[in-house]
Amino acid sequence: MNNKEELLKLLSECVVEMEDDKIISIAEEYIKSGYPAIDGIMYGLVDGMNKAADLYENEEYFIPELLICSDAMYNGLDILRPHLDKSDAKEKIKVVIGVVEGDTHDIGKNLAKIMLETAGYELIDLGRDVPAASFIDSVRNTGASVVALATLMSTSMNNMKEVIHLLNEEGLRENVKVIVGGGPISAAFAKRIGADGYSSSAVEAVKLVNSLIGV
């Protein structure tokens, strides 16, 4: 039987090494050994995902590898999450994320979602080709503090502006931070449409949201 530190290391390694099947038995052994689920998540799964993100940033891993790492992390979460103490399940800051209307490319959005979830945010994923009004409805219904808009299509960029316009019109903008990202997007464009920030990558999105929220 492995001790706690060994199991945490194995959980982390399973994420980094894309062992999406093996991680299930490791997580089960961790829980059966009586160790806290929150530590397994933070010092095992999240640690592994952060290491995978570093490899992605250093161009040692690419999008396919990062997605399989996330599959492993989610498999581990499925085992550990039901065993969290109520005191550990603190209310998370909500982030509404989606690809704006007119675009069906969602790999970048999915990566940002993975990294934000890893950082402890609760993601409300609206998917792709999302009408501006749907973002507004989601903010109103969930009380989200952040809206993350993505597109890879220059023809869809103005739909980001429409989301911000509607947030203002509905009186919601003051309480919501808006970040934008995607291939054709720039910091200058973000400033021009009144967004709070621009992110060039999934890892940078986490840093941006942290700074805007004050984490």
N, C-alpha and C. Protein backbone atom coordinates (compact mmCIF):
# COMPACT_ATOMS: atom_id res chain seq x y z
N MET A 1 0.84 -1.19 0.00
CA MET A 1 0.00 0.00 0.00
C MET A 1 0.88 1.25 0.00
N ASN A 2 0.53 2.22 -0.82
CA ASN A 2 1.28 3.46 -0.91
C ASN A 2 0.85 4.42 0.19
N ASN A 3 1.79 5.27 0.63
CA ASN A 3 1.41 6.29 1.60
C ASN A 3 0.83 7.52 0.87
N LYS A 4 0.41 8.50 1.65
CA LYS A 4 -0.27 9.64 1.06
C LYS A 4 0.58 10.37 0.02
N GLU A 5 1.83 10.66 0.38
CA GLU A 5 2.70 11.41 -0.55
C GLU A 5 2.93 10.64 -1.85
N GLU A 6 3.08 9.34 -1.74
CA GLU A 6 3.28 8.52 -2.94
C GLU A 6 2.04 8.54 -3.83
N LEU A 7 0.86 8.48 -3.19
CA LEU A 7 -0.39 8.49 -3.96
C LEU A 7 -0.62 9.84 -4.64
N LEU A 8 -0.30 10.92 -3.93
CA LEU A 8 -0.43 12.25 -4.53
C LEU A 8 0.49 12.37 -5.75
N LYS A 9 1.70 11.85 -5.59
CA LYS A 9 2.66 11.89 -6.70
C LYS A 9 2.14 11.06 -7.88
N LEU A 10 1.56 9.91 -7.59
CA LEU A 10 1.01 9.06 -8.65
C LEU A 10 -0.17 9.72 -9.36
N LEU A 11 -1.04 10.39 -8.59
CA LEU A 11 -2.17 11.09 -9.20
C LEU A 11 -1.67 12.17 -10.15
N SER A 12 -0.68 12.93 -9.70
CA SER A 12 -0.10 13.98 -10.53
C SER A 12 0.53 13.40 -11.79
N GLU A 13 1.28 12.33 -11.61
CA GLU A 13 1.96 11.70 -12.75
C GLU A 13 0.96 11.13 -13.75
N CYS A 14 -0.14 10.58 -13.26
CA CYS A 14 -1.16 10.03 -14.16
C CYS A 14 -1.74 11.12 -15.06
N VAL A 15 -1.92 12.31 -14.49
CA VAL A 15 -2.42 13.42 -15.31
C VAL A 15 -1.38 13.82 -16.35
N VAL A 16 -0.16 14.04 -15.91
CA VAL A 16 0.91 14.49 -16.82
C VAL A 16 1.18 13.45 -17.92
N GLU A 17 1.13 12.16 -17.54
CA GLU A 17 1.47 11.09 -18.48
C GLU A 17 0.25 10.54 -19.23
N MET A 18 -0.89 11.25 -19.06
CA MET A 18 -2.11 10.94 -19.83
C MET A 18 -2.64 9.53 -19.54
N GLU A 19 -2.50 9.08 -18.29
CA GLU A 19 -2.96 7.75 -17.89
C GLU A 19 -4.42 7.86 -17.44
N ASP A 20 -5.33 8.05 -18.40
CA ASP A 20 -6.73 8.32 -18.04
C ASP A 20 -7.46 7.10 -17.48
N ASP A 21 -6.95 5.90 -17.70
CA ASP A 21 -7.54 4.70 -17.09
C ASP A 21 -6.90 4.38 -15.74
N LYS A 22 -5.58 4.41 -15.71
CA LYS A 22 -4.84 4.06 -14.50
C LYS A 22 -5.20 4.98 -13.32
N ILE A 23 -5.50 6.23 -13.62
CA ILE A 23 -5.75 7.21 -12.55
C ILE A 23 -6.97 6.82 -11.70
N ILE A 24 -7.90 6.08 -12.28
CA ILE A 24 -9.11 5.70 -11.54
C ILE A 24 -8.76 4.80 -10.35
N SER A 25 -7.93 3.80 -10.59
CA SER A 25 -7.56 2.89 -9.49
C SER A 25 -6.69 3.61 -8.45
N ILE A 26 -5.85 4.53 -8.89
CA ILE A 26 -5.03 5.29 -7.94
C ILE A 26 -5.92 6.16 -7.06
N ALA A 27 -6.89 6.84 -7.68
CA ALA A 27 -7.81 7.69 -6.91
C ALA A 27 -8.63 6.85 -5.93
N GLU A 28 -9.04 5.66 -6.38
CA GLU A 28 -9.82 4.78 -5.49
C GLU A 28 -8.97 4.32 -4.30
N GLU A 29 -7.70 3.99 -4.55
CA GLU A 29 -6.81 3.59 -3.46
C GLU A 29 -6.61 4.75 -2.49
N TYR A 30 -6.49 5.96 -3.03
CA TYR A 30 -6.31 7.15 -2.20
C TYR A 30 -7.49 7.32 -1.24
N ILE A 31 -8.71 7.19 -1.76
CA ILE A 31 -9.91 7.35 -0.93
C ILE A 31 -10.03 6.21 0.08
N LYS A 32 -9.77 4.97 -0.36
CA LYS A 32 -9.87 3.82 0.55
C LYS A 32 -8.87 3.91 1.69
N SER A 33 -7.77 4.62 1.44
CA SER A 33 -6.75 4.78 2.48
C SER A 33 -7.14 5.84 3.50
N GLY A 34 -8.26 6.54 3.24
CA GLY A 34 -8.77 7.50 4.21
C GLY A 34 -8.16 8.89 4.13
N TYR A 35 -7.49 9.20 3.02
CA TYR A 35 -6.87 10.52 2.90
C TYR A 35 -7.89 11.56 2.41
N PRO A 36 -7.71 12.84 2.75
CA PRO A 36 -8.69 13.88 2.38
C PRO A 36 -8.80 14.08 0.87
N ALA A 37 -10.03 14.08 0.39
CA ALA A 37 -10.27 14.24 -1.04
C ALA A 37 -9.73 15.57 -1.55
N ILE A 38 -9.86 16.63 -0.74
CA ILE A 38 -9.41 17.96 -1.18
C ILE A 38 -7.92 17.97 -1.47
N ASP A 39 -7.13 17.24 -0.68
CA ASP A 39 -5.68 17.19 -0.92
C ASP A 39 -5.38 16.42 -2.20
N GLY A 40 -6.13 15.35 -2.44
CA GLY A 40 -5.94 14.59 -3.67
C GLY A 40 -6.21 15.43 -4.90
N ILE A 41 -7.23 16.29 -4.79
CA ILE A 41 -7.57 17.16 -5.92
C ILE A 41 -6.50 18.24 -6.11
N MET A 42 -6.15 18.93 -5.01
CA MET A 42 -5.26 20.08 -5.13
C MET A 42 -3.79 19.68 -5.36
N TYR A 43 -3.31 18.69 -4.59
CA TYR A 43 -1.89 18.34 -4.64
C TYR A 43 -1.60 17.13 -5.54
N GLY A 44 -2.66 16.54 -6.08
CA GLY A 44 -2.50 15.45 -7.03
C GLY A 44 -2.95 15.88 -8.41
N LEU A 45 -4.26 16.00 -8.59
CA LEU A 45 -4.82 16.28 -9.92
C LEU A 45 -4.45 17.67 -10.44
N VAL A 46 -4.68 18.69 -9.61
CA VAL A 46 -4.39 20.06 -10.05
C VAL A 46 -2.89 20.26 -10.26
N ASP A 47 -2.10 19.66 -9.38
CA ASP A 47 -0.64 19.74 -9.56
C ASP A 47 -0.24 19.15 -10.91
N GLY A 48 -0.82 18.00 -11.25
CA GLY A 48 -0.51 17.37 -12.53
C GLY A 48 -0.95 18.22 -13.71
N MET A 49 -2.13 18.83 -13.61
CA MET A 49 -2.62 19.66 -14.71
C MET A 49 -1.78 20.92 -14.88
N ASN A 50 -1.31 21.46 -13.76
CA ASN A 50 -0.43 22.63 -13.85
C ASN A 50 0.88 22.28 -14.53
N LYS A 51 1.40 21.09 -14.23
CA LYS A 51 2.63 20.65 -14.89
C LYS A 51 2.41 20.43 -16.38
N ALA A 52 1.24 19.88 -16.72
CA ALA A 52 0.90 19.68 -18.14
C ALA A 52 0.79 21.03 -18.85
N ALA A 53 0.23 22.02 -18.15
CA ALA A 53 0.11 23.37 -18.73
C ALA A 53 1.49 23.98 -18.98
N ASP A 54 2.43 23.72 -18.06
CA ASP A 54 3.80 24.21 -18.27
C ASP A 54 4.42 23.57 -19.51
N LEU A 55 4.20 22.28 -19.68
CA LEU A 55 4.72 21.59 -20.87
C LEU A 55 4.10 22.15 -22.14
N TYR A 56 2.81 22.51 -22.06
CA TYR A 56 2.12 23.12 -23.20
C TYR A 56 2.71 24.50 -23.51
N GLU A 57 2.94 25.28 -22.47
CA GLU A 57 3.51 26.62 -22.65
C GLU A 57 4.92 26.55 -23.25
N ASN A 58 5.66 25.50 -22.89
CA ASN A 58 7.03 25.32 -23.39
C ASN A 58 7.07 24.57 -24.72
N GLU A 59 5.88 24.31 -25.27
CA GLU A 59 5.73 23.64 -26.57
C GLU A 59 6.30 22.23 -26.58
N GLU A 60 6.29 21.59 -25.39
CA GLU A 60 6.64 20.17 -25.32
C GLU A 60 5.38 19.32 -25.47
N TYR A 61 4.26 19.86 -25.03
CA TYR A 61 2.94 19.26 -25.27
C TYR A 61 2.17 20.18 -26.19
N PHE A 62 1.22 19.59 -26.91
CA PHE A 62 0.36 20.38 -27.78
C PHE A 62 -1.09 20.10 -27.42
N ILE A 63 -2.02 20.64 -28.17
CA ILE A 63 -3.43 20.56 -27.80
C ILE A 63 -3.90 19.12 -27.58
N PRO A 64 -3.58 18.16 -28.46
CA PRO A 64 -4.06 16.78 -28.22
C PRO A 64 -3.60 16.22 -26.87
N GLU A 65 -2.32 16.46 -26.53
CA GLU A 65 -1.80 15.95 -25.26
C GLU A 65 -2.51 16.61 -24.08
N LEU A 66 -2.71 17.92 -24.17
CA LEU A 66 -3.34 18.64 -23.06
C LEU A 66 -4.78 18.17 -22.85
N LEU A 67 -5.47 17.87 -23.93
CA LEU A 67 -6.84 17.38 -23.81
C LEU A 67 -6.90 16.00 -23.15
N ILE A 68 -5.92 15.13 -23.47
CA ILE A 68 -5.90 13.80 -22.84
C ILE A 68 -5.51 13.92 -21.37
N CYS A 69 -4.61 14.86 -21.06
CA CYS A 69 -4.28 15.12 -19.65
C CYS A 69 -5.54 15.53 -18.89
N SER A 70 -6.35 16.37 -19.53
CA SER A 70 -7.57 16.82 -18.86
C SER A 70 -8.56 15.67 -18.67
N ASP A 71 -8.59 14.73 -19.62
CA ASP A 71 -9.45 13.55 -19.46
C ASP A 71 -9.05 12.78 -18.21
N ALA A 72 -7.74 12.63 -18.03
CA ALA A 72 -7.24 11.92 -16.84
C ALA A 72 -7.63 12.68 -15.57
N MET A 73 -7.46 14.01 -15.60
CA MET A 73 -7.82 14.80 -14.43
C MET A 73 -9.30 14.64 -14.08
N TYR A 74 -10.17 14.72 -15.10
CA TYR A 74 -11.61 14.60 -14.85
C TYR A 74 -11.98 13.21 -14.34
N ASN A 75 -11.30 12.17 -14.83
CA ASN A 75 -11.55 10.82 -14.31
C ASN A 75 -11.22 10.73 -12.83
N GLY A 76 -10.11 11.36 -12.45
CA GLY A 76 -9.74 11.40 -11.04
C GLY A 76 -10.74 12.20 -10.22
N LEU A 77 -11.20 13.32 -10.78
CA LEU A 77 -12.18 14.15 -10.09
C LEU A 77 -13.48 13.40 -9.83
N ASP A 78 -13.88 12.58 -10.81
CA ASP A 78 -15.12 11.81 -10.66
C ASP A 78 -15.06 10.90 -9.42
N ILE A 79 -13.87 10.41 -9.10
CA ILE A 79 -13.70 9.54 -7.93
C ILE A 79 -13.60 10.36 -6.64
N LEU A 80 -12.84 11.44 -6.69
CA LEU A 80 -12.53 12.19 -5.47
C LEU A 80 -13.63 13.16 -5.04
N ARG A 81 -14.27 13.80 -6.00
CA ARG A 81 -15.22 14.88 -5.68
C ARG A 81 -16.36 14.46 -4.73
N PRO A 82 -16.95 13.26 -4.91
CA PRO A 82 -18.06 12.88 -4.00
C PRO A 82 -17.63 12.74 -2.54
N HIS A 83 -16.32 12.70 -2.29
CA HIS A 83 -15.83 12.51 -0.92
C HIS A 83 -15.36 13.80 -0.27
N LEU A 84 -15.61 14.93 -0.93
CA LEU A 84 -15.25 16.21 -0.34
C LEU A 84 -16.10 16.49 0.90
N ASP A 85 -15.48 17.05 1.93
CA ASP A 85 -16.25 17.52 3.08
C ASP A 85 -17.03 18.76 2.67
N LYS A 86 -18.13 19.00 3.35
CA LYS A 86 -18.95 20.18 3.03
C LYS A 86 -18.13 21.47 3.21
N SER A 87 -17.24 21.46 4.17
CA SER A 87 -16.42 22.65 4.41
C SER A 87 -15.44 22.91 3.27
N ASP A 88 -15.12 21.84 2.50
CA ASP A 88 -14.20 21.98 1.37
C ASP A 88 -14.91 22.51 0.13
N ALA A 89 -16.21 22.25 0.06
CA ALA A 89 -16.97 22.60 -1.14
C ALA A 89 -17.44 24.05 -1.06
N LYS A 90 -16.48 24.96 -1.03
CA LYS A 90 -16.79 26.38 -0.95
C LYS A 90 -17.40 26.86 -2.27
N GLU A 91 -18.22 27.90 -2.15
CA GLU A 91 -18.84 28.45 -3.35
C GLU A 91 -17.77 29.04 -4.26
N LYS A 92 -17.79 28.65 -5.51
CA LYS A 92 -16.76 29.08 -6.44
C LYS A 92 -17.23 30.29 -7.24
N ILE A 93 -16.28 31.07 -7.71
CA ILE A 93 -16.59 32.18 -8.60
C ILE A 93 -16.99 31.60 -9.95
N LYS A 94 -18.12 32.06 -10.47
CA LYS A 94 -18.66 31.51 -11.71
C LYS A 94 -18.16 32.28 -12.94
N VAL A 95 -17.83 31.52 -13.97
CA VAL A 95 -17.38 32.09 -15.24
C VAL A 95 -18.25 31.51 -16.36
N VAL A 96 -18.91 32.40 -17.10
CA VAL A 96 -19.66 31.97 -18.29
C VAL A 96 -18.70 32.01 -19.47
N ILE A 97 -18.61 30.91 -20.20
CA ILE A 97 -17.67 30.84 -21.33
C ILE A 97 -18.38 30.32 -22.56
N GLY A 98 -17.98 30.82 -23.72
CA GLY A 98 -18.57 30.32 -24.96
C GLY A 98 -17.92 30.95 -26.18
N VAL A 99 -18.13 30.30 -27.32
CA VAL A 99 -17.70 30.82 -28.61
C VAL A 99 -18.86 31.63 -29.17
N VAL A 100 -18.60 32.86 -29.56
CA VAL A 100 -19.68 33.75 -29.99
C VAL A 100 -20.34 33.27 -31.28
N GLU A 101 -21.53 33.79 -31.52
CA GLU A 101 -22.33 33.40 -32.68
C GLU A 101 -21.56 33.61 -33.98
N GLY A 102 -21.66 32.64 -34.87
CA GLY A 102 -20.99 32.71 -36.16
C GLY A 102 -19.73 31.89 -36.23
N ASP A 103 -19.36 31.23 -35.13
CA ASP A 103 -18.12 30.44 -35.10
C ASP A 103 -18.38 29.12 -34.39
N THR A 104 -17.91 28.02 -34.98
CA THR A 104 -18.09 26.69 -34.38
C THR A 104 -16.77 26.06 -33.94
N HIS A 105 -15.68 26.83 -33.95
CA HIS A 105 -14.37 26.32 -33.51
C HIS A 105 -14.29 26.45 -32.00
N ASP A 106 -14.08 25.35 -31.29
CA ASP A 106 -14.13 25.45 -29.83
C ASP A 106 -12.95 24.84 -29.07
N ILE A 107 -11.88 24.46 -29.77
CA ILE A 107 -10.75 23.85 -29.06
C ILE A 107 -10.13 24.86 -28.09
N GLY A 108 -9.91 26.09 -28.55
CA GLY A 108 -9.33 27.11 -27.67
C GLY A 108 -10.21 27.38 -26.46
N LYS A 109 -11.52 27.45 -26.70
CA LYS A 109 -12.46 27.65 -25.59
C LYS A 109 -12.39 26.49 -24.61
N ASN A 110 -12.31 25.28 -25.13
CA ASN A 110 -12.25 24.09 -24.26
C ASN A 110 -10.98 24.08 -23.40
N LEU A 111 -9.87 24.51 -23.97
CA LEU A 111 -8.62 24.57 -23.22
C LEU A 111 -8.72 25.61 -22.10
N ALA A 112 -9.29 26.77 -22.43
CA ALA A 112 -9.46 27.81 -21.41
C ALA A 112 -10.37 27.32 -20.29
N LYS A 113 -11.41 26.59 -20.66
CA LYS A 113 -12.33 26.04 -19.66
C LYS A 113 -11.59 25.08 -18.73
N ILE A 114 -10.79 24.19 -19.29
CA ILE A 114 -10.03 23.22 -18.50
C ILE A 114 -9.12 23.93 -17.50
N MET A 115 -8.39 24.94 -17.98
CA MET A 115 -7.42 25.61 -17.12
C MET A 115 -8.11 26.45 -16.04
N LEU A 116 -9.24 27.06 -16.38
CA LEU A 116 -9.98 27.84 -15.38
C LEU A 116 -10.60 26.93 -14.32
N GLU A 117 -11.10 25.77 -14.75
CA GLU A 117 -11.63 24.80 -13.78
C GLU A 117 -10.51 24.30 -12.87
N THR A 118 -9.35 24.05 -13.46
CA THR A 118 -8.20 23.61 -12.68
C THR A 118 -7.82 24.65 -11.64
N ALA A 119 -8.00 25.93 -12.00
CA ALA A 119 -7.66 27.02 -11.09
C ALA A 119 -8.72 27.25 -10.02
N GLY A 120 -9.84 26.50 -10.08
CA GLY A 120 -10.83 26.57 -9.03
C GLY A 120 -12.09 27.34 -9.34
N TYR A 121 -12.26 27.76 -10.59
CA TYR A 121 -13.47 28.48 -10.98
C TYR A 121 -14.56 27.49 -11.40
N GLU A 122 -15.82 27.92 -11.26
CA GLU A 122 -16.94 27.13 -11.76
C GLU A 122 -17.32 27.64 -13.14
N LEU A 123 -17.24 26.76 -14.13
CA LEU A 123 -17.47 27.16 -15.51
C LEU A 123 -18.89 26.82 -15.96
N ILE A 124 -19.55 27.79 -16.57
CA ILE A 124 -20.83 27.56 -17.24
C ILE A 124 -20.53 27.63 -18.72
N ASP A 125 -20.42 26.48 -19.35
CA ASP A 125 -20.00 26.38 -20.75
C ASP A 125 -21.21 26.41 -21.67
N LEU A 126 -21.34 27.48 -22.44
CA LEU A 126 -22.47 27.63 -23.36
C LEU A 126 -22.20 27.00 -24.73
N GLY A 127 -20.97 26.52 -24.93
CA GLY A 127 -20.66 25.83 -26.18
C GLY A 127 -20.18 26.79 -27.26
N ARG A 128 -20.61 26.51 -28.49
CA ARG A 128 -20.14 27.31 -29.63
C ARG A 128 -21.32 27.89 -30.39
N ASP A 129 -21.01 28.88 -31.23
CA ASP A 129 -22.05 29.55 -32.02
C ASP A 129 -23.17 30.06 -31.11
N VAL A 130 -22.78 30.78 -30.05
CA VAL A 130 -23.71 31.20 -29.00
C VAL A 130 -24.22 32.62 -29.28
N PRO A 131 -25.54 32.82 -29.39
CA PRO A 131 -26.09 34.16 -29.58
C PRO A 131 -25.76 35.07 -28.38
N ALA A 132 -25.60 36.34 -28.64
CA ALA A 132 -25.25 37.29 -27.59
C ALA A 132 -26.24 37.24 -26.43
N ALA A 133 -27.53 37.13 -26.75
CA ALA A 133 -28.57 37.13 -25.71
C ALA A 133 -28.41 35.95 -24.75
N SER A 134 -27.83 34.84 -25.22
CA SER A 134 -27.66 33.66 -24.35
C SER A 134 -26.63 33.93 -23.26
N PHE A 135 -25.60 34.71 -23.58
CA PHE A 135 -24.63 35.08 -22.55
C PHE A 135 -25.30 35.93 -21.47
N ILE A 136 -26.15 36.84 -21.90
CA ILE A 136 -26.85 37.72 -20.96
C ILE A 136 -27.76 36.90 -20.05
N ASP A 137 -28.51 35.99 -20.64
CA ASP A 137 -29.42 35.13 -19.85
C ASP A 137 -28.63 34.32 -18.83
N SER A 138 -27.49 33.81 -19.24
CA SER A 138 -26.69 32.97 -18.35
C SER A 138 -26.14 33.78 -17.18
N VAL A 139 -25.66 34.98 -17.45
CA VAL A 139 -25.15 35.85 -16.38
C VAL A 139 -26.27 36.15 -15.38
N ARG A 140 -27.45 36.47 -15.91
CA ARG A 140 -28.58 36.81 -15.05
C ARG A 140 -29.01 35.61 -14.20
N ASN A 141 -29.02 34.43 -14.80
CA ASN A 141 -29.52 33.23 -14.12
C ASN A 141 -28.52 32.62 -13.15
N THR A 142 -27.22 32.83 -13.38
CA THR A 142 -26.20 32.17 -12.55
C THR A 142 -25.49 33.12 -11.60
N GLY A 143 -25.58 34.43 -11.86
CA GLY A 143 -24.83 35.37 -11.04
C GLY A 143 -23.34 35.32 -11.31
N ALA A 144 -22.96 34.95 -12.53
CA ALA A 144 -21.54 34.84 -12.89
C ALA A 144 -20.83 36.18 -12.76
N SER A 145 -19.56 36.11 -12.38
CA SER A 145 -18.74 37.31 -12.21
C SER A 145 -17.87 37.60 -13.43
N VAL A 146 -17.73 36.60 -14.30
CA VAL A 146 -16.85 36.73 -15.47
C VAL A 146 -17.55 36.15 -16.69
N VAL A 147 -17.39 36.82 -17.83
CA VAL A 147 -17.82 36.28 -19.11
C VAL A 147 -16.58 36.16 -20.00
N ALA A 148 -16.32 34.96 -20.50
CA ALA A 148 -15.17 34.70 -21.37
C ALA A 148 -15.67 34.40 -22.78
N LEU A 149 -15.30 35.26 -23.73
CA LEU A 149 -15.78 35.15 -25.11
C LEU A 149 -14.63 34.74 -26.02
N ALA A 150 -14.91 33.79 -26.92
CA ALA A 150 -13.87 33.31 -27.83
C ALA A 150 -14.38 33.29 -29.27
N THR A 151 -13.46 33.50 -30.20
CA THR A 151 -13.75 33.26 -31.61
C THR A 151 -12.43 33.11 -32.37
N LEU A 152 -12.48 32.30 -33.43
CA LEU A 152 -11.35 32.19 -34.35
C LEU A 152 -11.68 32.83 -35.69
N MET A 153 -12.88 33.39 -35.79
CA MET A 153 -13.36 33.95 -37.06
C MET A 153 -13.42 35.47 -36.97
N SER A 154 -12.73 36.14 -37.87
CA SER A 154 -12.77 37.60 -37.87
C SER A 154 -14.18 38.12 -38.15
N THR A 155 -14.97 37.31 -38.86
CA THR A 155 -16.34 37.72 -39.17
C THR A 155 -17.26 37.69 -37.96
N SER A 156 -16.80 37.05 -36.86
CA SER A 156 -17.63 36.94 -35.65
C SER A 156 -17.19 37.90 -34.54
N MET A 157 -16.12 38.63 -34.79
CA MET A 157 -15.56 39.47 -33.73
C MET A 157 -16.55 40.50 -33.19
N ASN A 158 -17.34 41.07 -34.07
CA ASN A 158 -18.28 42.11 -33.63
C ASN A 158 -19.37 41.56 -32.71
N ASN A 159 -19.57 40.24 -32.73
CA ASN A 159 -20.56 39.66 -31.82
C ASN A 159 -20.08 39.73 -30.37
N MET A 160 -18.77 39.85 -30.17
CA MET A 160 -18.25 40.09 -28.83
C MET A 160 -18.70 41.47 -28.34
N LYS A 161 -18.61 42.44 -29.23
CA LYS A 161 -19.05 43.80 -28.91
C LYS A 161 -20.53 43.82 -28.56
N GLU A 162 -21.31 43.00 -29.26
CA GLU A 162 -22.75 42.94 -29.01
C GLU A 162 -23.04 42.40 -27.60
N VAL A 163 -22.26 41.41 -27.15
CA VAL A 163 -22.44 40.88 -25.79
C VAL A 163 -22.22 41.98 -24.76
N ILE A 164 -21.15 42.74 -24.94
CA ILE A 164 -20.85 43.83 -24.00
C ILE A 164 -21.94 44.90 -24.06
N HIS A 165 -22.41 45.21 -25.26
CA HIS A 165 -23.50 46.18 -25.43
C HIS A 165 -24.74 45.74 -24.66
N LEU A 166 -25.10 44.47 -24.77
CA LEU A 166 -26.30 43.97 -24.09
C LEU A 166 -26.11 43.94 -22.57
N LEU A 167 -24.89 43.61 -22.12
CA LEU A 167 -24.62 43.64 -20.67
C LEU A 167 -24.85 45.05 -20.12
N ASN A 168 -24.39 46.04 -20.88
CA ASN A 168 -24.61 47.44 -20.48
C ASN A 168 -26.09 47.79 -20.50
N GLU A 169 -26.75 47.37 -21.55
CA GLU A 169 -28.17 47.70 -21.74
C GLU A 169 -29.03 47.09 -20.64
N GLU A 170 -28.65 45.90 -20.18
CA GLU A 170 -29.43 45.20 -19.16
C GLU A 170 -29.00 45.55 -17.73
N GLY A 171 -28.04 46.47 -17.61
CA GLY A 171 -27.60 46.89 -16.29
C GLY A 171 -26.75 45.86 -15.55
N LEU A 172 -26.12 44.95 -16.29
CA LEU A 172 -25.32 43.87 -15.68
C LEU A 172 -23.82 44.10 -15.76
N ARG A 173 -23.41 45.03 -16.60
CA ARG A 173 -21.99 45.17 -16.91
C ARG A 173 -21.14 45.53 -15.70
N GLU A 174 -21.66 46.33 -14.81
CA GLU A 174 -20.88 46.82 -13.67
C GLU A 174 -20.37 45.69 -12.79
N ASN A 175 -21.11 44.59 -12.73
CA ASN A 175 -20.75 43.48 -11.84
C ASN A 175 -20.08 42.31 -12.56
N VAL A 176 -19.77 42.50 -13.84
CA VAL A 176 -19.22 41.39 -14.63
C VAL A 176 -17.95 41.83 -15.35
N LYS A 177 -16.90 41.00 -15.24
CA LYS A 177 -15.68 41.23 -16.01
C LYS A 177 -15.79 40.44 -17.31
N VAL A 178 -15.40 41.07 -18.42
CA VAL A 178 -15.47 40.42 -19.73
C VAL A 178 -14.07 40.26 -20.30
N ILE A 179 -13.71 39.01 -20.62
CA ILE A 179 -12.42 38.77 -21.28
C ILE A 179 -12.67 38.15 -22.64
N VAL A 180 -11.76 38.42 -23.57
CA VAL A 180 -11.90 37.93 -24.94
C VAL A 180 -10.61 37.27 -25.38
N GLY A 181 -10.74 36.33 -26.33
CA GLY A 181 -9.56 35.66 -26.86
C GLY A 181 -9.87 34.93 -28.15
N GLY A 182 -8.81 34.51 -28.83
CA GLY A 182 -8.97 33.81 -30.11
C GLY A 182 -8.00 34.36 -31.13
N GLY A 183 -7.82 33.61 -32.21
CA GLY A 183 -6.85 33.94 -33.25
C GLY A 183 -6.82 35.39 -33.72
N PRO A 184 -7.97 35.94 -34.15
CA PRO A 184 -7.95 37.30 -34.72
C PRO A 184 -8.03 38.41 -33.68
N ILE A 185 -8.15 38.05 -32.40
CA ILE A 185 -8.37 39.05 -31.34
C ILE A 185 -7.03 39.62 -30.86
N SER A 186 -7.05 40.87 -30.46
CA SER A 186 -5.86 41.53 -29.94
C SER A 186 -6.24 42.36 -28.72
N ALA A 187 -5.22 42.80 -27.99
CA ALA A 187 -5.46 43.66 -26.83
C ALA A 187 -6.11 44.97 -27.27
N ALA A 188 -5.69 45.47 -28.43
CA ALA A 188 -6.26 46.72 -28.94
C ALA A 188 -7.75 46.55 -29.25
N PHE A 189 -8.11 45.41 -29.84
CA PHE A 189 -9.52 45.15 -30.15
C PHE A 189 -10.32 45.04 -28.86
N ALA A 190 -9.77 44.34 -27.86
CA ALA A 190 -10.46 44.19 -26.58
C ALA A 190 -10.75 45.55 -25.97
N LYS A 191 -9.76 46.43 -26.01
CA LYS A 191 -9.94 47.78 -25.45
C LYS A 191 -11.00 48.55 -26.23
N ARG A 192 -10.98 48.40 -27.54
CA ARG A 192 -11.90 49.15 -28.41
C ARG A 192 -13.35 48.79 -28.15
N ILE A 193 -13.63 47.50 -27.86
CA ILE A 193 -15.03 47.10 -27.65
C ILE A 193 -15.45 47.20 -26.19
N GLY A 194 -14.51 47.59 -25.33
CA GLY A 194 -14.87 47.78 -23.92
C GLY A 194 -14.73 46.54 -23.06
N ALA A 195 -13.96 45.55 -23.52
CA ALA A 195 -13.70 44.36 -22.70
C ALA A 195 -12.70 44.72 -21.60
N ASP A 196 -12.66 43.90 -20.56
CA ASP A 196 -11.76 44.15 -19.44
C ASP A 196 -10.37 43.58 -19.67
N GLY A 197 -10.24 42.69 -20.64
CA GLY A 197 -8.93 42.12 -20.89
C GLY A 197 -8.92 41.15 -22.05
N TYR A 198 -7.71 40.88 -22.54
CA TYR A 198 -7.49 39.96 -23.66
C TYR A 198 -6.49 38.91 -23.23
N SER A 199 -6.74 37.67 -23.62
CA SER A 199 -5.82 36.58 -23.31
C SER A 199 -5.39 35.89 -24.60
N SER A 200 -4.10 35.63 -24.70
CA SER A 200 -3.57 34.98 -25.91
C SER A 200 -3.53 33.47 -25.80
N SER A 201 -3.76 32.92 -24.59
CA SER A 201 -3.71 31.47 -24.41
C SER A 201 -4.55 31.07 -23.21
N ALA A 202 -4.76 29.76 -23.07
CA ALA A 202 -5.56 29.24 -21.96
C ALA A 202 -4.90 29.52 -20.62
N VAL A 203 -3.59 29.38 -20.56
CA VAL A 203 -2.87 29.64 -19.31
C VAL A 203 -2.94 31.12 -18.96
N GLU A 204 -2.79 31.97 -19.96
CA GLU A 204 -2.89 33.41 -19.72
C GLU A 204 -4.29 33.81 -19.29
N ALA A 205 -5.30 33.07 -19.74
CA ALA A 205 -6.68 33.37 -19.35
C ALA A 205 -6.85 33.25 -17.84
N VAL A 206 -6.21 32.24 -17.25
CA VAL A 206 -6.28 32.06 -15.80
C VAL A 206 -5.63 33.25 -15.09
N LYS A 207 -4.46 33.65 -15.53
CA LYS A 207 -3.77 34.78 -14.93
C LYS A 207 -4.60 36.05 -15.05
N LEU A 208 -5.24 36.22 -16.20
CA LEU A 208 -6.05 37.41 -16.44
C LEU A 208 -7.27 37.44 -15.51
N VAL A 209 -7.97 36.32 -15.43
CA VAL A 209 -9.15 36.26 -14.56
C VAL A 209 -8.75 36.46 -13.11
N ASN A 210 -7.66 35.83 -12.68
CA ASN A 210 -7.17 36.00 -11.32
C ASN A 210 -6.93 37.48 -11.00
N SER A 211 -6.30 38.18 -11.96
CA SER A 211 -5.98 39.59 -11.71
C SER A 211 -7.23 40.45 -11.70
N LEU A 212 -8.20 40.14 -12.56
CA LEU A 212 -9.43 40.93 -12.62
C LEU A 212 -10.31 40.70 -11.39
N ILE A 213 -10.31 39.46 -10.89
CA ILE A 213 -11.14 39.12 -9.74
C ILE A 213 -10.45 39.48 -8.42
N GLY A 214 -9.12 39.63 -8.51
CA GLY A 214 -8.36 39.97 -7.31
C GLY A 214 -7.91 38.77 -6.53
N VAL A 215 -7.71 37.65 -7.22
CA VAL A 215 -7.22 36.42 -6.56
C VAL A 215 -5.70 36.49 -6.45
